[in-house]
Amino acid sequence: MITLLLASKSPRRRQLLSQLGYPVKFVDVNVDEVIAPGTSIEYIAASLALMKAKGYVAPLADNEILVTADTIVVHKGDVLGKPHDRKQAETMLRSLSGDKHSVYTGVCIKSSSRQVVFTEKSDVFFRSLSDETISHYIDQGSCFDKAGAYGIQEWIGMVGVERIEGCYYNVMGLPLSRLYFELQQLIRKS
């Protein structure tokens, strides 16, 4: 039986990966998430996932697969990270209001003999958000650990997201359908 080793502190990724049907162990990886200047937006998330995979130095058993991931939010060419304070969260949410942005999740899966890296992209369309809606969401306090200052699975996603094009779970931080497909391929080839 394959065991997945998830190198992520994200509670959302832990919850999502646990639902794929494999036993999951959580492992720690400490890396400096520094992207080389000039890295294309489409490759940033995959590059971060790959860094995390390289940061896991313990040998993998034949029945273990390491999973690392990183998610970025891109709006009008700008990468939106996690907000540092209320003002930055307000600025991010106002910029996303009434507009489209893209969510990229880079994933690396690695066995003892093979490695696969991929990126999944989803486009998210927000309705126009009032200042009161933005303030109410920020007051809930859950925006500070999320790229782009929001979680689609939270209240703001329920009331503010008009539609998405792509994988919903990708916007949460782990594209489960693509990940499952890639895991099946990796297991067959290992």
C-alpha atoms as a PDB file:
ATOM      1  CA  MET A   1       0.000   0.000   0.000  1.00  0.00           C
ATOM      2  CA  ILE A   2       1.318   3.423  -0.980  1.00  0.00           C
ATOM      3  CA  THR A   3       1.694   6.039   1.768  1.00  0.00           C
ATOM      4  CA  LEU A   4       1.712   9.713   0.845  1.00  0.00           C
ATOM      5  CA  LEU A   5       4.071  12.029   2.693  1.00  0.00           C
ATOM      6  CA  LEU A   6       2.694  15.558   2.597  1.00  0.00           C
ATOM      7  CA  ALA A   7       5.261  18.285   3.225  1.00  0.00           C
ATOM      8  CA  SER A   8       2.840  21.094   4.034  1.00  0.00           C
ATOM      9  CA  LYS A   9       1.611  22.905   7.104  1.00  0.00           C
ATOM     10  CA  SER A  10      -1.560  23.992   5.278  1.00  0.00           C
ATOM     11  CA  PRO A  11      -4.630  22.574   7.054  1.00  0.00           C
ATOM     12  CA  ARG A  12      -6.546  22.742   3.767  1.00  0.00           C
ATOM     13  CA  ARG A  13      -3.969  20.637   1.908  1.00  0.00           C
ATOM     14  CA  ARG A  14      -3.849  18.154   4.774  1.00  0.00           C
ATOM     15  CA  GLN A  15      -7.629  17.789   4.715  1.00  0.00           C
ATOM     16  CA  LEU A  16      -7.835  17.527   0.919  1.00  0.00           C
ATOM     17  CA  LEU A  17      -5.026  14.987   0.515  1.00  0.00           C
ATOM     18  CA  SER A  18      -6.477  12.821   3.279  1.00  0.00           C
ATOM     19  CA  GLN A  19      -9.657  12.471   1.196  1.00  0.00           C
ATOM     20  CA  LEU A  20      -7.908  10.788  -1.776  1.00  0.00           C
ATOM     21  CA  GLY A  21      -8.020   7.366  -0.132  1.00  0.00           C
ATOM     22  CA  TYR A  22      -4.337   6.829   0.624  1.00  0.00           C
ATOM     23  CA  PRO A  23      -2.742   6.733   4.060  1.00  0.00           C
ATOM     24  CA  VAL A  24      -1.096  10.143   4.652  1.00  0.00           C
ATOM     25  CA  LYS A  25       1.779  11.145   6.906  1.00  0.00           C
ATOM     26  CA  PHE A  26       2.677  14.767   7.456  1.00  0.00           C
ATOM     27  CA  VAL A  27       6.344  15.753   7.287  1.00  0.00           C
ATOM     28  CA  ASP A  28       8.187  19.017   7.785  1.00  0.00           C
ATOM     29  CA  VAL A  29      10.396  20.742   5.255  1.00  0.00           C
ATOM     30  CA  ASN A  30      12.228  23.994   5.887  1.00  0.00           C
ATOM     31  CA  VAL A  31      13.261  25.902   2.780  1.00  0.00           C
ATOM     32  CA  ASP A  32      13.747  29.525   1.882  1.00  0.00           C
ATOM     33  CA  GLU A  33      11.035  30.237  -0.661  1.00  0.00           C
ATOM     34  CA  VAL A  34      13.027  32.596  -2.848  1.00  0.00           C
ATOM     35  CA  ILE A  35      12.209  32.725  -6.545  1.00  0.00           C
ATOM     36  CA  ALA A  36      14.865  33.683  -9.060  1.00  0.00           C
ATOM     37  CA  PRO A  37      14.193  37.039 -10.720  1.00  0.00           C
ATOM     38  CA  GLY A  38      12.649  36.647 -14.140  1.00  0.00           C
ATOM     39  CA  THR A  39      10.860  33.364 -13.337  1.00  0.00           C
ATOM     40  CA  SER A  40       7.684  33.259 -15.417  1.00  0.00           C
ATOM     41  CA  ILE A  41       4.442  33.534 -13.475  1.00  0.00           C
ATOM     42  CA  GLU A  42       3.315  30.161 -14.836  1.00  0.00           C
ATOM     43  CA  TYR A  43       6.361  28.474 -13.265  1.00  0.00           C
ATOM     44  CA  ILE A  44       6.556  30.198  -9.847  1.00  0.00           C
ATOM     45  CA  ALA A  45       4.233  27.788  -8.012  1.00  0.00           C
ATOM     46  CA  ALA A  46       5.884  24.709  -9.568  1.00  0.00           C
ATOM     47  CA  SER A  47       9.311  26.104  -8.700  1.00  0.00           C
ATOM     48  CA  LEU A  48       8.265  26.538  -5.066  1.00  0.00           C
ATOM     49  CA  ALA A  49       6.836  23.004  -4.935  1.00  0.00           C
ATOM     50  CA  LEU A  50      10.089  21.657  -6.375  1.00  0.00           C
ATOM     51  CA  MET A  51      12.132  23.584  -3.774  1.00  0.00           C
ATOM     52  CA  LYS A  52      10.073  21.989  -1.022  1.00  0.00           C
ATOM     53  CA  ALA A  53      10.610  18.519  -2.509  1.00  0.00           C
ATOM     54  CA  LYS A  54      14.375  19.084  -2.661  1.00  0.00           C
ATOM     55  CA  GLY A  55      14.240  20.213   0.969  1.00  0.00           C
ATOM     56  CA  TYR A  56      13.019  16.781   2.052  1.00  0.00           C
ATOM     57  CA  VAL A  57      16.290  14.909   2.475  1.00  0.00           C
ATOM     58  CA  ALA A  58      15.207  11.619   4.079  1.00  0.00           C
ATOM     59  CA  PRO A  59      15.262   8.644   1.696  1.00  0.00           C
ATOM     60  CA  LEU A  60      11.872   7.529   0.417  1.00  0.00           C
ATOM     61  CA  ALA A  61      10.837   3.911   0.915  1.00  0.00           C
ATOM     62  CA  ASP A  62       9.520   2.043  -2.115  1.00  0.00           C
ATOM     63  CA  ASN A  63       5.943   2.443  -0.857  1.00  0.00           C
ATOM     64  CA  GLU A  64       6.219   6.191  -0.104  1.00  0.00           C
ATOM     65  CA  ILE A  65       5.441   9.169  -2.334  1.00  0.00           C
ATOM     66  CA  LEU A  66       6.328  12.688  -1.267  1.00  0.00           C
ATOM     67  CA  VAL A  67       3.800  15.406  -2.155  1.00  0.00           C
ATOM     68  CA  THR A  68       4.701  19.107  -2.049  1.00  0.00           C
ATOM     69  CA  ALA A  69       2.678  22.050  -3.313  1.00  0.00           C
ATOM     70  CA  ASP A  70       2.472  25.816  -3.424  1.00  0.00           C
ATOM     71  CA  THR A  71      -0.313  28.135  -4.538  1.00  0.00           C
ATOM     72  CA  ILE A  72      -0.080  31.678  -5.856  1.00  0.00           C
ATOM     73  CA  VAL A  73      -2.743  34.190  -6.809  1.00  0.00           C
ATOM     74  CA  VAL A  74      -2.063  36.398  -9.833  1.00  0.00           C
ATOM     75  CA  HIS A  75      -4.044  39.539 -10.632  1.00  0.00           C
ATOM     76  CA  LYS A  76      -3.145  41.803 -13.545  1.00  0.00           C
ATOM     77  CA  GLY A  77       0.378  40.385 -13.629  1.00  0.00           C
ATOM     78  CA  ASP A  78       1.016  40.849  -9.904  1.00  0.00           C
ATOM     79  CA  VAL A  79       1.587  37.891  -7.591  1.00  0.00           C
ATOM     80  CA  LEU A  80      -0.495  38.314  -4.436  1.00  0.00           C
ATOM     81  CA  GLY A  81       0.971  36.590  -1.417  1.00  0.00           C
ATOM     82  CA  LYS A  82      -0.418  36.333   2.090  1.00  0.00           C
ATOM     83  CA  PRO A  83      -1.342  39.735   3.522  1.00  0.00           C
ATOM     84  CA  HIS A  84       0.818  40.987   6.382  1.00  0.00           C
ATOM     85  CA  ASP A  85      -1.845  43.199   7.938  1.00  0.00           C
ATOM     86  CA  ARG A  86      -5.416  44.427   7.638  1.00  0.00           C
ATOM     87  CA  LYS A  87      -4.562  47.255   5.261  1.00  0.00           C
ATOM     88  CA  GLN A  88      -2.827  44.888   2.840  1.00  0.00           C
ATOM     89  CA  ALA A  89      -5.757  42.425   3.022  1.00  0.00           C
ATOM     90  CA  GLU A  90      -8.196  45.260   2.239  1.00  0.00           C
ATOM     91  CA  THR A  91      -6.057  46.384  -0.700  1.00  0.00           C
ATOM     92  CA  MET A  92      -5.907  42.853  -2.118  1.00  0.00           C
ATOM     93  CA  LEU A  93      -9.623  42.192  -1.774  1.00  0.00           C
ATOM     94  CA  ARG A  94     -10.537  45.576  -3.281  1.00  0.00           C
ATOM     95  CA  SER A  95      -8.303  44.842  -6.265  1.00  0.00           C
ATOM     96  CA  LEU A  96      -9.939  41.423  -6.792  1.00  0.00           C
ATOM     97  CA  SER A  97     -13.455  42.854  -6.406  1.00  0.00           C
ATOM     98  CA  GLY A  98     -15.433  42.795  -9.651  1.00  0.00           C
ATOM     99  CA  ASP A  99     -12.554  41.270 -11.572  1.00  0.00           C
ATOM    100  CA  LYS A 100     -10.928  38.032 -12.699  1.00  0.00           C
ATOM    101  CA  HIS A 101      -7.723  36.610 -11.250  1.00  0.00           C
ATOM    102  CA  SER A 102      -5.825  33.359 -11.696  1.00  0.00           C
ATOM    103  CA  VAL A 103      -4.816  30.783  -9.126  1.00  0.00           C
ATOM    104  CA  TYR A 104      -1.805  28.580  -9.893  1.00  0.00           C
ATOM    105  CA  THR A 105      -0.929  25.553  -7.795  1.00  0.00           C
ATOM    106  CA  GLY A 106       2.374  23.853  -8.429  1.00  0.00           C
ATOM    107  CA  VAL A 107       2.690  20.253  -7.277  1.00  0.00           C
ATOM    108  CA  CYS A 108       5.666  17.917  -7.055  1.00  0.00           C
ATOM    109  CA  ILE A 109       5.201  14.195  -6.451  1.00  0.00           C
ATOM    110  CA  LYS A 110       8.287  12.107  -5.889  1.00  0.00           C
ATOM    111  CA  SER A 111       8.882   8.397  -5.382  1.00  0.00           C
ATOM    112  CA  SER A 112      12.189   6.680  -4.696  1.00  0.00           C
ATOM    113  CA  SER A 113      12.784   6.451  -8.458  1.00  0.00           C
ATOM    114  CA  ARG A 114      10.727   9.146 -10.239  1.00  0.00           C
ATOM    115  CA  GLN A 115       9.543  12.713  -9.903  1.00  0.00           C
ATOM    116  CA  VAL A 116       6.698  14.627 -11.568  1.00  0.00           C
ATOM    117  CA  VAL A 117       6.119  18.382 -11.369  1.00  0.00           C
ATOM    118  CA  PHE A 118       3.024  20.107 -12.752  1.00  0.00           C
ATOM    119  CA  THR A 119       1.002  23.292 -12.450  1.00  0.00           C
ATOM    120  CA  GLU A 120      -2.768  23.642 -12.491  1.00  0.00           C
ATOM    121  CA  LYS A 121      -4.446  26.989 -13.251  1.00  0.00           C
ATOM    122  CA  SER A 122      -7.957  28.146 -12.359  1.00  0.00           C
ATOM    123  CA  ASP A 123      -9.554  31.508 -13.124  1.00  0.00           C
ATOM    124  CA  VAL A 124     -11.750  33.035 -10.421  1.00  0.00           C
ATOM    125  CA  PHE A 125     -14.309  35.768 -11.092  1.00  0.00           C
ATOM    126  CA  PHE A 126     -15.330  37.910  -8.117  1.00  0.00           C
ATOM    127  CA  ARG A 127     -18.518  39.935  -7.880  1.00  0.00           C
ATOM    128  CA  SER A 128     -18.102  43.540  -6.788  1.00  0.00           C
ATOM    129  CA  LEU A 129     -17.482  43.502  -3.035  1.00  0.00           C
ATOM    130  CA  SER A 130     -18.676  46.327  -0.814  1.00  0.00           C
ATOM    131  CA  ASP A 131     -16.383  47.790   1.824  1.00  0.00           C
ATOM    132  CA  GLU A 132     -18.708  46.272   4.434  1.00  0.00           C
ATOM    133  CA  THR A 133     -18.362  42.803   2.904  1.00  0.00           C
ATOM    134  CA  ILE A 134     -14.583  43.109   2.818  1.00  0.00           C
ATOM    135  CA  SER A 135     -14.433  44.398   6.416  1.00  0.00           C
ATOM    136  CA  HIS A 136     -16.754  41.647   7.657  1.00  0.00           C
ATOM    137  CA  TYR A 137     -14.560  38.959   6.090  1.00  0.00           C
ATOM    138  CA  ILE A 138     -11.319  40.452   7.388  1.00  0.00           C
ATOM    139  CA  ASP A 139     -12.863  40.724  10.875  1.00  0.00           C
ATOM    140  CA  GLN A 140     -13.278  36.932  10.825  1.00  0.00           C
ATOM    141  CA  GLY A 141      -9.457  36.752  10.811  1.00  0.00           C
ATOM    142  CA  SER A 142      -8.961  33.868   8.416  1.00  0.00           C
ATOM    143  CA  CYS A 143      -7.611  35.882   5.484  1.00  0.00           C
ATOM    144  CA  PHE A 144      -4.061  36.277   6.777  1.00  0.00           C
ATOM    145  CA  ASP A 145      -2.785  32.774   5.992  1.00  0.00           C
ATOM    146  CA  LYS A 146      -4.025  32.722   2.392  1.00  0.00           C
ATOM    147  CA  ALA A 147      -2.542  33.972  -0.845  1.00  0.00           C
ATOM    148  CA  GLY A 148      -4.736  36.746  -2.202  1.00  0.00           C
ATOM    149  CA  ALA A 149      -6.282  37.254   1.277  1.00  0.00           C
ATOM    150  CA  TYR A 150      -9.202  34.843   0.777  1.00  0.00           C
ATOM    151  CA  GLY A 151     -10.292  31.229   0.909  1.00  0.00           C
ATOM    152  CA  ILE A 152     -12.848  30.164  -1.688  1.00  0.00           C
ATOM    153  CA  GLN A 153     -14.284  27.610   0.754  1.00  0.00           C
ATOM    154  CA  GLU A 154     -15.005  30.343   3.310  1.00  0.00           C
ATOM    155  CA  TRP A 155     -17.816  32.910   3.612  1.00  0.00           C
ATOM    156  CA  ILE A 156     -16.183  35.323   1.141  1.00  0.00           C
ATOM    157  CA  GLY A 157     -16.105  32.587  -1.488  1.00  0.00           C
ATOM    158  CA  MET A 158     -19.755  31.777  -0.911  1.00  0.00           C
ATOM    159  CA  VAL A 159     -20.929  35.368  -1.309  1.00  0.00           C
ATOM    160  CA  GLY A 160     -18.225  36.896  -3.498  1.00  0.00           C
ATOM    161  CA  VAL A 161     -17.197  34.371  -6.136  1.00  0.00           C
ATOM    162  CA  GLU A 162     -19.396  34.596  -9.199  1.00  0.00           C
ATOM    163  CA  ARG A 163     -17.792  31.640 -10.987  1.00  0.00           C
ATOM    164  CA  ILE A 164     -14.581  29.747 -11.560  1.00  0.00           C
ATOM    165  CA  GLU A 165     -13.085  28.238 -14.685  1.00  0.00           C
ATOM    166  CA  GLY A 166     -10.976  25.281 -13.696  1.00  0.00           C
ATOM    167  CA  CYS A 167     -10.623  23.097 -10.631  1.00  0.00           C
ATOM    168  CA  TYR A 168     -12.323  24.306  -7.425  1.00  0.00           C
ATOM    169  CA  TYR A 169      -9.903  22.272  -5.297  1.00  0.00           C
ATOM    170  CA  ASN A 170      -7.000  23.950  -7.061  1.00  0.00           C
ATOM    171  CA  VAL A 171      -8.248  27.281  -5.721  1.00  0.00           C
ATOM    172  CA  MET A 172      -8.288  25.703  -2.241  1.00  0.00           C
ATOM    173  CA  GLY A 173      -4.646  24.716  -2.709  1.00  0.00           C
ATOM    174  CA  LEU A 174      -4.491  21.205  -4.169  1.00  0.00           C
ATOM    175  CA  PRO A 175      -5.851  20.163  -7.600  1.00  0.00           C
ATOM    176  CA  LEU A 176      -7.166  16.758  -6.520  1.00  0.00           C
ATOM    177  CA  SER A 177      -8.322  15.376  -9.871  1.00  0.00           C
ATOM    178  CA  ARG A 178      -5.012  16.114 -11.602  1.00  0.00           C
ATOM    179  CA  LEU A 179      -3.049  14.986  -8.542  1.00  0.00           C
ATOM    180  CA  TYR A 180      -4.887  11.661  -8.436  1.00  0.00           C
ATOM    181  CA  PHE A 181      -4.267  11.107 -12.159  1.00  0.00           C
ATOM    182  CA  GLU A 182      -0.547  11.940 -11.806  1.00  0.00           C
ATOM    183  CA  LEU A 183      -0.224   9.685  -8.731  1.00  0.00           C
ATOM    184  CA  GLN A 184      -1.751   6.776 -10.650  1.00  0.00           C
ATOM    185  CA  GLN A 185       0.714   7.335 -13.505  1.00  0.00           C
ATOM    186  CA  LEU A 186       3.673   7.594 -11.115  1.00  0.00           C
ATOM    187  CA  ILE A 187       2.693   4.413  -9.253  1.00  0.00           C
ATOM    188  CA  ARG A 188       2.374   2.448 -12.512  1.00  0.00           C
ATOM    189  CA  LYS A 189       5.783   3.598 -13.746  1.00  0.00           C
ATOM    190  CA  SER A 190       7.678   3.191 -10.462  1.00  0.00           C
END
